Protein backbone atom coordinates (compact mmCIF):
# COMPACT_ATOMS: atom_id res chain seq x y z
CA MET A 1 19.29 22.35 7.31
CA ARG A 2 20.33 19.37 9.04
CA VAL A 3 20.95 19.52 12.97
CA ALA A 4 22.32 16.60 15.19
CA PHE A 5 20.10 15.16 17.96
CA ASP A 6 22.03 12.35 19.36
CA ASP A 7 20.46 11.82 22.66
CA MET A 8 18.28 13.29 25.39
CA LYS A 9 21.45 14.51 27.20
CA THR A 10 21.88 17.14 24.01
CA GLN A 11 18.17 18.23 24.00
CA PRO A 12 18.97 21.78 25.36
CA GLN A 13 21.45 22.38 22.86
CA TYR A 14 19.21 21.17 20.27
CA GLU A 15 16.44 23.23 20.80
CA LYS A 16 18.65 26.16 21.13
CA ALA A 17 20.01 25.43 17.98
CA ILE A 18 16.72 25.06 16.17
CA ARG A 19 15.14 28.11 17.65
CA MET A 20 18.04 30.17 16.75
CA SER A 21 17.84 28.84 13.14
CA ALA A 22 14.04 29.19 13.10
CA ASN A 23 14.63 33.01 14.16
CA ALA A 24 17.16 33.75 11.39
CA GLY A 25 14.68 32.38 8.82
CA ILE A 26 15.42 28.88 8.28
CA ARG A 27 12.13 26.73 7.89
CA ASP A 28 13.26 23.22 6.77
CA PHE A 29 15.30 20.99 8.85
CA SER A 30 16.04 17.32 8.99
CA ASN A 31 18.11 14.82 11.36
CA TYR A 32 18.95 11.36 12.19
CA LEU A 33 17.80 9.76 15.42
CA LEU A 34 20.33 7.04 16.44
CA TYR A 35 18.65 3.91 18.32
CA ASN A 36 19.61 0.75 19.59
CA PHE A 37 22.85 1.86 21.29
CA LYS A 38 22.81 2.80 25.07
CA ASP A 39 19.45 4.32 24.72
CA GLN A 40 16.28 3.36 26.28
CA PRO A 41 13.50 2.71 23.62
CA ILE A 42 11.28 5.40 24.97
CA ASP A 43 14.15 7.86 24.36
CA LEU A 44 13.50 7.52 20.48
CA TYR A 45 9.71 8.35 21.06
CA ASN A 46 10.66 11.36 23.26
CA ARG A 47 13.29 12.80 20.60
CA LEU A 48 10.49 12.28 17.79
CA LYS A 49 8.12 13.94 19.82
CA ILE A 50 10.23 16.87 20.82
CA ASN A 51 10.65 17.42 16.87
CA VAL A 52 7.00 17.47 16.57
CA ASP A 53 6.50 19.90 19.19
CA LEU A 54 9.10 22.38 17.69
CA CYS A 55 7.40 21.92 14.36
CA GLU A 56 4.02 23.19 15.71
CA GLU A 57 5.38 25.77 17.99
CA LEU A 58 7.75 27.54 15.47
CA ASN A 59 5.70 26.72 12.33
CA VAL A 60 8.88 24.87 10.99
CA SER A 61 9.39 21.51 9.04
CA ILE A 62 11.44 18.86 10.76
CA TYR A 63 11.98 15.48 9.09
CA SER A 64 13.27 12.93 11.57
CA PHE A 65 15.00 9.72 10.13
CA PRO A 66 15.42 7.21 12.78
CA MET A 67 18.61 5.17 12.24
CA LYS A 68 19.23 1.78 13.96
CA PHE A 69 22.83 1.40 15.46
CA HIS A 70 25.29 -1.18 13.91
CA PRO A 71 28.96 -1.35 15.23
CA ILE A 72 31.65 -0.79 12.65
CA THR A 73 34.16 -3.03 14.26
CA GLY A 74 34.15 -6.31 16.23
CA GLU A 75 32.14 -9.39 16.23
CA TYR A 76 28.73 -7.65 14.60
CA SER A 77 30.45 -5.34 12.04
CA HIS A 78 29.61 -7.72 9.36
CA ASN A 79 25.90 -8.64 10.05
CA ARG A 80 22.85 -6.79 11.51
CA ASP A 81 22.43 -8.69 14.83
CA PHE A 82 23.72 -6.23 17.42
CA ILE A 83 21.23 -5.54 19.96
CA GLY A 84 21.45 -2.60 22.40
CA GLU A 85 21.45 -3.17 25.93
CA HIS A 86 18.00 -2.06 26.48
CA TRP A 87 16.36 -3.16 23.34
CA ASN A 88 15.32 -6.24 21.99
CA ARG A 89 14.49 -7.75 18.38
CA LYS A 90 10.76 -7.64 18.60
CA TYR A 91 11.26 -3.73 19.55
CA ILE A 92 13.47 -3.36 16.57
CA ARG A 93 11.10 -5.06 14.28
CA ALA A 94 8.36 -2.82 15.63
CA VAL A 95 10.05 0.18 14.71
CA GLN A 96 11.04 -1.05 11.70
CA ALA A 97 7.39 -1.86 10.77
CA VAL A 98 6.16 1.60 11.83
CA MET A 99 8.92 3.25 9.61
CA ASN A 100 8.02 0.97 6.67
CA SER A 101 4.62 2.49 6.36
CA THR A 102 5.84 6.13 7.00
CA LYS A 103 8.62 5.44 4.23
CA GLY A 104 11.42 5.88 6.72
CA LYS A 105 10.91 9.46 7.77
CA ILE A 106 8.61 11.30 10.33
CA GLY A 107 7.44 14.91 9.68
CA LYS A 108 5.30 17.39 11.30
CA GLY A 109 1.90 17.01 12.45
CA TYR A 110 0.34 15.55 15.73
CA THR A 111 -2.28 13.25 14.06
CA PHE A 112 0.37 11.71 11.81
CA PHE A 113 2.44 11.17 14.89
CA TYR A 114 0.08 9.96 17.41
CA LYS A 115 -1.10 7.27 14.95
CA ALA A 116 2.27 6.17 14.01
CA PHE A 117 3.84 6.03 17.65
CA GLY A 118 1.19 6.59 20.02
CA LYS A 119 -0.19 9.42 22.18
CA THR A 120 1.47 8.64 25.07
CA GLU A 121 4.76 6.65 26.34
CA THR A 122 2.34 3.95 27.26
CA ASP A 123 0.88 3.84 23.81
CA PHE A 124 4.25 3.38 22.68
CA TYR A 125 5.29 0.71 24.61
CA ASP A 126 1.87 -1.30 23.62
CA LEU A 127 2.91 -0.61 19.98
CA LEU A 128 6.54 -2.21 20.72
CA GLU A 129 4.80 -5.28 22.16
CA MET A 130 2.27 -5.52 19.29
CA PRO A 131 2.41 -8.47 17.17
CA GLU A 132 4.25 -7.26 13.77
CA THR A 133 1.45 -8.15 11.27
CA PHE A 134 -0.97 -6.00 13.18
CA ILE A 135 1.49 -3.03 12.94
CA LEU A 136 1.76 -3.39 9.35
CA TYR A 137 -1.77 -3.72 8.60
CA ARG A 138 -2.74 -1.57 11.83
CA LEU A 139 -5.98 -0.02 10.29
CA PHE A 140 -7.23 -3.40 9.00
CA PHE A 141 -6.83 -5.16 12.38
CA GLU A 142 -8.49 -2.10 14.11
CA TRP A 143 -11.37 -2.37 11.66
CA LEU A 144 -11.53 -6.01 12.53
CA GLY A 145 -12.37 -5.10 16.19
CA ASP A 146 -14.35 -2.06 15.42
CA LYS A 147 -16.77 -3.50 12.71
CA LYS A 148 -16.32 -7.30 12.90
CA ASN A 149 -15.86 -7.92 16.48
CA HIS A 150 -13.29 -10.40 15.23
CA GLU A 151 -10.87 -12.43 17.40
CA ALA A 152 -7.88 -11.47 15.43
CA SER A 153 -8.34 -7.91 16.07
CA THR A 154 -5.93 -5.33 17.42
CA ALA A 155 -8.48 -4.55 20.50
CA ASN A 156 -8.50 -8.71 21.46
CA TRP A 157 -4.92 -8.95 21.23
CA ARG A 158 -4.62 -6.01 23.77
CA ASN A 159 -7.21 -7.41 26.01
CA VAL A 160 -5.37 -10.95 25.97
CA PHE A 161 -1.78 -9.11 26.40
CA ASN A 162 -2.92 -7.05 29.41
CA ASP A 163 -4.93 -9.93 31.15
CA CYS A 164 -1.66 -12.08 30.87
CA MET A 165 0.52 -9.00 32.37
CA GLU A 166 -2.08 -8.47 35.15
CA THR A 167 -2.53 -12.27 36.12
CA LEU A 168 0.27 -14.33 35.27
CA ASN A 169 2.70 -14.90 38.04
CA GLU A 170 6.14 -12.98 37.84
CA GLN A 171 8.01 -15.98 36.35
CA ASP A 172 5.16 -17.08 33.91
CA LYS A 173 5.02 -13.34 32.82
CA ALA A 174 8.74 -13.09 32.42
CA THR A 175 8.83 -16.21 30.47
CA VAL A 176 6.30 -15.08 27.74
CA LEU A 177 7.83 -11.83 27.37
CA ASN A 178 11.12 -13.20 26.80
CA VAL A 179 9.61 -15.34 24.02
CA ILE A 180 7.88 -12.43 22.51
CA HIS A 181 10.99 -10.07 22.59
CA LYS A 182 13.15 -12.73 20.93
CA ASN A 183 10.69 -12.13 17.89
CA LYS A 184 10.93 -16.12 16.78
CA PHE A 185 7.48 -17.52 16.65
CA THR A 186 6.38 -20.97 15.85
CA PRO A 187 3.70 -23.58 16.89
CA GLU A 188 6.16 -25.57 18.87
CA ILE A 189 6.97 -22.47 20.87
CA GLN A 190 3.36 -21.48 21.41
CA TYR A 191 2.10 -24.97 22.49
CA GLN A 192 5.17 -25.52 24.79
CA PHE A 193 3.22 -23.80 27.61
CA SER A 194 0.27 -25.60 29.45
CA ASN A 195 -1.14 -22.24 30.55
CA PRO A 196 -4.00 -21.48 28.26
CA LYS A 197 -3.62 -17.86 28.51
CA ILE A 198 -0.14 -17.90 27.28
CA THR A 199 -1.09 -20.18 24.47
CA GLN A 200 -3.77 -17.79 23.38
CA LEU A 201 -1.23 -14.73 23.56
CA LEU A 202 1.19 -16.45 21.52
CA GLU A 203 -1.49 -17.27 18.85
CA PHE A 204 -1.59 -13.50 18.08
CA TYR A 205 2.12 -13.81 17.11
CA THR A 206 2.20 -17.14 15.37
CA ASN A 207 -0.87 -16.67 13.40
CA TYR A 208 -1.95 -14.31 10.82
CA ARG A 209 1.20 -13.78 8.95
CA ASN A 210 0.26 -15.77 5.83
CA ASP A 211 -3.59 -15.76 6.25
CA ILE A 212 -3.87 -12.36 5.25
CA ILE A 213 -2.05 -12.72 2.15
CA THR A 214 -3.34 -16.09 1.09
CA GLU A 215 -6.21 -16.23 -1.26
CA GLY A 216 -9.17 -18.19 -0.06
CA THR A 217 -8.38 -17.67 4.03
CA GLU A 218 -10.98 -16.13 6.19
CA LEU A 219 -8.80 -12.94 6.81
CA TYR A 220 -7.89 -12.53 2.92
CA LYS A 221 -11.60 -12.50 2.35
CA LEU A 222 -12.05 -9.95 5.11
CA LYS A 223 -9.32 -7.81 3.74
CA GLN A 224 -10.82 -7.71 0.43
CA GLU A 225 -14.06 -6.56 2.00
CA TYR A 226 -12.11 -3.85 3.82
CA GLU A 227 -10.40 -2.62 0.90
CA SER A 228 -13.36 -2.49 -1.28
CA ASP A 229 -15.07 0.16 1.11
CA PRO A 230 -14.08 3.65 -0.41
CA ASN A 231 -14.14 5.17 3.11
CA ASN A 232 -11.36 2.91 4.51
CA TYR A 233 -9.40 3.60 1.23
CA LYS A 234 -9.47 7.32 2.00
CA LYS A 235 -8.86 6.85 5.74
CA ARG A 236 -5.62 4.77 5.30
CA GLY A 237 -4.31 7.24 2.70
CA LYS A 238 -3.66 4.36 0.11
CA ARG A 239 -2.01 2.45 2.79
CA ASN A 240 -3.26 -0.89 4.62
C-alpha cells in the first residue's frame, strides 16, 4: 500500500493512516519522500526515521524512496540543475551517493538505517559534508582508519573538518564551506588558499577519486587488501 508523506506538517495524518492500515491487517507500505523543495535537509532524515520507527513499533514494512524535486516548468524544467532554498549541490550528491548503495530505497531495521544515514541528526549532517568518495566506499575508508591509521581515512577527514570548523574565523569558515557545498573540486581551487588547514581539508575532496580505481596506486592496493579479507566481505554484504 502506498501512503503519501509529503512533509513534516503531514506527520500526524500520515502516522494515523499507517496505524489504521496496520490495525486493518495491511503489513506492507511504500512512499516517495520529496526533498530539495522548500524542506530542510534534516526533514528528509526525520521522515525516514519516522518510517523506521513505525516499522519497529507496528511490525510492518515501509519502503521509502527519496525523490529529488525538479520543477516541470520554467528555467529548470529541461535540466537537473535546480537547487532548493535550503539545499546545495554537495548535500544532494551525498544523498544520491547513499541511495546508490541502498539501491534507491530505505526499508526497515535500525542497524541498516543508522549505518546509511547516521544515528543522530548531527551524524546526518556529518554525512552530508563527507567527501563523496568516502560515502561511496564507506566501509573501506573507515577500515583505513581502524586498521591502517591511514591519512586518507574517514576518521582523519572528520578530525580535520572539525578542527577547521572550531578554529577558523567566521569568514574563512564560510568560504571553505561555500567551496565544499558547490561540490566542484580542483587542485586550483584547493591551492588558492594560504591557510594550510583549508588546503589540508580540501585535499580530502580533490584527491582519492581516481586513486582508488587506478591500478598500481597505494589506495588501489589497499582496496585489494581490504577486499581479500573474507571478514570484510561479509561485513559489507558484497558492497564496498
